[in-house]
Amino acid sequence: MSLMRRFTPPLILLVMLAQGACAGRNRASMDVLTMGAATGNRGCQAAPAPAHLPEVDAVLQPERLQAALEDAVPARRGALLASVRFAPDGHVAAVRLLESTLPGPEAEQIAASIRGAVVPTTALANATLRVLVERLDSLTVRLGRSEYCPPKLMSAPPIAAQASMPSPQVGSVGQPRILVLVDERGSVVSHRLLESSGLPQLDAAAARSASQARFQPARVDGETRQAWTEYPER
């Protein structure tokens, strides 16, 4: 028996963008997709990738998702929020449950159904998106941005080369800016000069300090990720 016949009123699969189709679309397209009035973690933001949210039917096959739900999931009102991470080749690398009002086994079945309905696309290579499935009088699937928490500096040696430098003309020395790549363990694995201070000695001192800095690694939907950030923090 199909879900169209199992429920009253009939179950209809509505595919909608998380940001909606109204005037607030551009603003909401850069918001983190959450359940209800949930708020994100302090210091975190909407993940910048992908640059543009795709249409839902470009990422999920609604018919395949609905068929999977018909076979596996009983009729129950509720909602769940899942994180979908894409591999470098555009295929699904992982689907994780973030939040749910449904029983655990049922939520896991829906998460598995989401994975089976995703359309591989290189446009989402290495990106992570959130999928919100809501079952009320109908089934609504929403697509939105994940939560990105950038690396956070925990400790670093002082930039202590200034004492040995010749006194420059006033106003000729600025703050060096270093771009650092922080791995999943919080270590700096690469760095490059983003903006010179005007003094090579000071730039070199900042680079040495940056290479020894320790960070809380970046997180996307709670998973640690390698990411670039600026040092010193502004």
Protein backbone atom coordinates (compact mmCIF):
# COMPACT_ATOMS: atom_id res chain seq x y z
CA MET A 1 0.00 0.00 0.00
CA SER A 2 1.43 3.38 -0.95
CA LEU A 3 1.68 6.39 1.34
CA MET A 4 -0.82 8.12 -0.90
CA ARG A 5 -3.36 5.65 0.33
CA ARG A 6 -2.06 5.06 3.81
CA PHE A 7 -2.64 8.61 5.03
CA THR A 8 -5.65 10.90 5.25
CA PRO A 9 -5.28 13.43 3.79
CA PRO A 10 -3.07 11.84 1.07
CA LEU A 11 0.66 12.34 1.40
CA ILE A 12 2.01 14.76 -1.18
CA LEU A 13 5.73 15.34 -1.59
CA LEU A 14 6.41 19.06 -1.69
CA VAL A 15 9.89 20.07 -2.78
CA MET A 16 10.88 23.53 -1.59
CA LEU A 17 14.06 25.51 -1.19
CA ALA A 18 14.88 26.20 2.43
CA GLN A 19 15.00 29.90 1.70
CA GLY A 20 11.46 29.92 0.32
CA ALA A 21 10.13 31.56 -2.78
CA CYS A 22 9.31 34.98 -1.39
CA ALA A 23 10.99 38.36 -1.10
CA GLY A 24 13.22 37.19 1.75
CA ARG A 25 14.84 34.54 -0.40
CA ASN A 26 18.24 36.22 -0.86
CA ARG A 27 18.68 36.93 2.85
CA ALA A 28 17.57 33.47 3.97
CA SER A 29 19.74 31.72 1.38
CA MET A 30 22.73 32.65 3.55
CA ASP A 31 21.14 31.45 6.80
CA VAL A 32 21.89 28.13 8.48
CA LEU A 33 18.98 25.73 8.01
CA THR A 34 17.59 24.74 11.41
CA MET A 35 14.53 23.07 12.88
CA GLY A 36 11.98 25.57 14.14
CA ALA A 37 13.43 28.45 16.12
CA ALA A 38 16.73 26.70 16.84
CA THR A 39 19.79 28.95 16.81
CA GLY A 40 23.33 28.18 15.79
CA ASN A 41 26.49 28.13 17.86
CA ARG A 42 28.10 31.40 18.83
CA GLY A 43 30.85 32.48 16.45
CA CYS A 44 29.56 30.21 13.70
CA GLN A 45 27.91 31.10 10.42
CA ALA A 46 26.32 29.65 7.32
CA ALA A 47 28.78 27.54 5.35
CA PRO A 48 30.02 29.55 2.35
CA ALA A 49 30.11 26.52 0.05
CA PRO A 50 28.46 26.05 -2.31
CA ALA A 51 28.41 29.65 -3.48
CA HIS A 52 24.83 29.24 -4.71
CA LEU A 53 22.27 26.85 -3.30
CA PRO A 54 21.02 24.48 -5.99
CA GLU A 55 17.36 23.71 -6.54
CA VAL A 56 16.21 20.79 -4.40
CA ASP A 57 15.35 18.59 -7.37
CA ALA A 58 18.90 19.08 -8.65
CA VAL A 59 20.21 17.42 -5.47
CA LEU A 60 17.45 14.98 -4.48
CA GLN A 61 15.22 12.73 -6.57
CA PRO A 62 11.80 13.25 -4.92
CA GLU A 63 10.27 10.12 -6.42
CA ARG A 64 13.08 7.92 -5.12
CA LEU A 65 12.87 9.49 -1.65
CA GLN A 66 9.12 9.08 -1.50
CA ALA A 67 9.31 5.47 -2.67
CA ALA A 68 11.89 4.67 0.00
CA LEU A 69 9.73 6.27 2.68
CA GLU A 70 6.68 4.34 1.53
CA ASP A 71 8.56 1.08 1.94
CA ALA A 72 10.32 1.77 5.23
CA VAL A 73 8.72 4.46 7.36
CA PRO A 74 5.36 4.35 9.17
CA ALA A 75 2.96 7.26 9.09
CA ARG A 76 4.03 9.57 11.89
CA ARG A 77 4.14 13.34 12.22
CA GLY A 78 7.50 14.86 12.93
CA ALA A 79 10.65 16.32 11.44
CA LEU A 80 14.35 15.63 11.12
CA LEU A 81 17.41 17.59 10.12
CA ALA A 82 20.28 15.80 8.38
CA SER A 83 23.73 16.86 7.19
CA VAL A 84 24.82 15.61 3.75
CA ARG A 85 28.53 15.72 2.97
CA PHE A 86 29.72 15.33 -0.62
CA ALA A 87 32.97 13.67 -1.69
CA PRO A 88 35.44 15.25 -4.15
CA ASP A 89 33.75 13.37 -7.01
CA GLY A 90 30.31 14.76 -6.13
CA HIS A 91 28.92 11.52 -4.67
CA VAL A 92 27.57 11.35 -1.12
CA ALA A 93 30.32 10.76 1.43
CA ALA A 94 28.10 10.72 4.53
CA VAL A 95 24.62 11.53 5.83
CA ARG A 96 24.36 12.32 9.54
CA LEU A 97 21.34 13.02 11.69
CA LEU A 98 21.60 16.35 13.48
CA GLU A 99 18.20 16.62 15.13
CA SER A 100 14.88 14.78 15.05
CA THR A 101 11.46 14.66 16.69
CA LEU A 102 10.92 11.15 15.33
CA PRO A 103 11.89 7.88 17.05
CA GLY A 104 15.53 6.87 16.49
CA PRO A 105 14.99 3.91 14.13
CA GLU A 106 12.52 5.86 12.02
CA ALA A 107 14.85 8.85 11.81
CA GLU A 108 17.72 6.59 10.75
CA GLN A 109 15.53 5.09 8.01
CA ILE A 110 14.72 8.52 6.65
CA ALA A 111 18.40 9.49 6.73
CA ALA A 112 19.21 6.35 4.74
CA SER A 113 16.43 7.24 2.30
CA ILE A 114 17.95 10.70 1.83
CA ARG A 115 21.31 9.16 0.95
CA GLY A 116 19.69 6.91 -1.64
CA ALA A 117 17.85 9.83 -3.23
CA VAL A 118 20.83 12.18 -3.65
CA VAL A 119 21.86 12.93 -7.22
CA PRO A 120 25.69 12.91 -7.58
CA THR A 121 26.96 16.21 -8.94
CA THR A 122 30.44 17.66 -9.19
CA ALA A 123 28.91 21.09 -8.51
CA LEU A 124 28.72 20.05 -4.84
CA ALA A 125 32.17 18.44 -4.62
CA ASN A 126 33.49 18.71 -1.02
CA ALA A 127 30.43 20.74 0.03
CA THR A 128 28.04 20.00 2.89
CA LEU A 129 24.33 20.80 2.86
CA ARG A 130 21.47 20.34 5.28
CA VAL A 131 18.22 18.58 4.45
CA LEU A 132 15.09 19.15 6.53
CA VAL A 133 12.29 16.59 6.18
CA GLU A 134 8.98 17.59 7.77
CA ARG A 135 5.96 15.32 7.89
CA LEU A 136 2.74 17.10 8.81
CA ASP A 137 -0.31 16.90 6.55
CA SER A 138 2.15 16.47 3.72
CA LEU A 139 5.82 15.65 3.37
CA THR A 140 8.06 18.67 2.81
CA VAL A 141 11.75 18.44 1.94
CA ARG A 142 13.87 21.56 2.36
CA LEU A 143 17.46 22.20 1.38
CA GLY A 144 19.71 24.73 3.10
CA ARG A 145 23.14 25.69 4.32
CA SER A 146 25.18 23.89 6.91
CA GLU A 147 26.76 25.55 9.94
CA TYR A 148 30.42 26.49 9.62
CA CYS A 149 32.52 27.25 12.70
CA PRO A 150 35.92 28.67 11.66
CA PRO A 151 39.20 27.73 13.34
CA LYS A 152 39.71 29.41 16.70
CA LEU A 153 43.16 30.35 17.97
CA MET A 154 44.03 28.61 21.25
CA SER A 155 47.72 29.44 21.70
CA ALA A 156 50.70 30.83 19.79
CA PRO A 157 54.26 32.01 20.53
CA PRO A 158 54.59 35.81 20.72
CA ILE A 159 55.77 37.67 17.66
CA ALA A 160 58.95 38.89 19.34
CA ALA A 161 61.25 40.05 16.55
CA GLN A 162 60.56 43.77 16.89
CA ALA A 163 63.27 44.39 19.49
CA SER A 164 66.07 43.43 17.12
CA MET A 165 64.77 45.49 14.22
CA PRO A 166 66.11 48.87 13.11
CA SER A 167 63.73 51.71 13.89
CA PRO A 168 61.74 52.46 10.75
CA GLN A 169 60.12 55.71 9.87
CA VAL A 170 56.93 56.32 11.81
CA GLY A 171 53.90 54.98 10.01
CA SER A 172 55.85 52.73 7.64
CA VAL A 173 55.24 49.48 9.55
CA GLY A 174 51.90 47.71 9.56
CA GLN A 175 50.53 44.48 10.97
CA PRO A 176 51.58 41.41 9.00
CA ARG A 177 48.73 39.16 7.93
CA ILE A 178 49.36 35.44 7.52
CA LEU A 179 46.96 32.96 5.98
CA VAL A 180 47.23 29.58 7.73
CA LEU A 181 45.80 26.17 6.85
CA VAL A 182 44.60 24.40 10.01
CA ASP A 183 44.09 20.64 9.87
CA GLU A 184 41.50 18.51 11.66
CA ARG A 185 43.73 18.27 14.76
CA GLY A 186 44.21 22.04 15.07
CA SER A 187 47.78 22.14 13.75
CA VAL A 188 49.02 24.56 11.10
CA VAL A 189 50.09 22.54 8.06
CA SER A 190 50.71 25.42 5.65
CA HIS A 191 50.92 29.19 5.70
CA ARG A 192 51.57 32.10 3.36
CA LEU A 193 52.00 35.84 3.67
CA LEU A 194 48.75 37.61 2.93
CA GLU A 195 49.89 41.18 3.62
CA SER A 196 53.37 42.42 4.49
CA SER A 197 54.08 44.64 7.46
CA GLY A 198 56.69 46.48 5.46
CA LEU A 199 59.55 44.85 7.38
CA PRO A 200 60.84 41.43 6.27
CA GLN A 201 62.02 40.66 9.84
CA LEU A 202 58.56 41.22 11.25
CA ASP A 203 56.95 39.18 8.46
CA ALA A 204 59.33 36.29 9.17
CA ALA A 205 58.63 36.49 12.91
CA ALA A 206 54.89 36.40 12.30
CA ALA A 207 55.30 33.42 9.98
CA ARG A 208 57.31 31.51 12.61
CA SER A 209 54.70 32.24 15.25
CA ALA A 210 51.88 31.19 12.89
CA SER A 211 53.54 27.87 12.09
CA GLN A 212 53.62 26.99 15.82
CA ALA A 213 50.11 28.18 16.64
CA ARG A 214 47.45 25.78 17.92
CA PHE A 215 43.81 26.13 16.94
CA GLN A 216 40.48 24.62 17.70
CA PRO A 217 39.81 23.14 14.26
CA ALA A 218 37.03 24.28 11.96
CA ARG A 219 33.75 22.38 12.12
CA VAL A 220 30.98 21.89 9.59
CA ASP A 221 27.81 20.60 11.22
CA GLY A 222 29.93 19.42 14.14
CA GLU A 223 32.53 17.53 12.08
CA THR A 224 36.12 18.79 12.16
CA ARG A 225 37.49 20.01 8.82
CA GLN A 226 40.69 21.40 7.40
CA ALA A 227 40.29 25.12 6.74
CA TRP A 228 42.15 28.35 6.06
CA THR A 229 42.03 31.26 8.50
CA GLU A 230 43.87 34.51 9.09
CA TYR A 231 46.63 34.98 11.69
CA PRO A 232 46.79 36.96 13.89
CA GLU A 233 43.04 36.86 14.42
CA ARG A 234 41.26 40.13 13.82
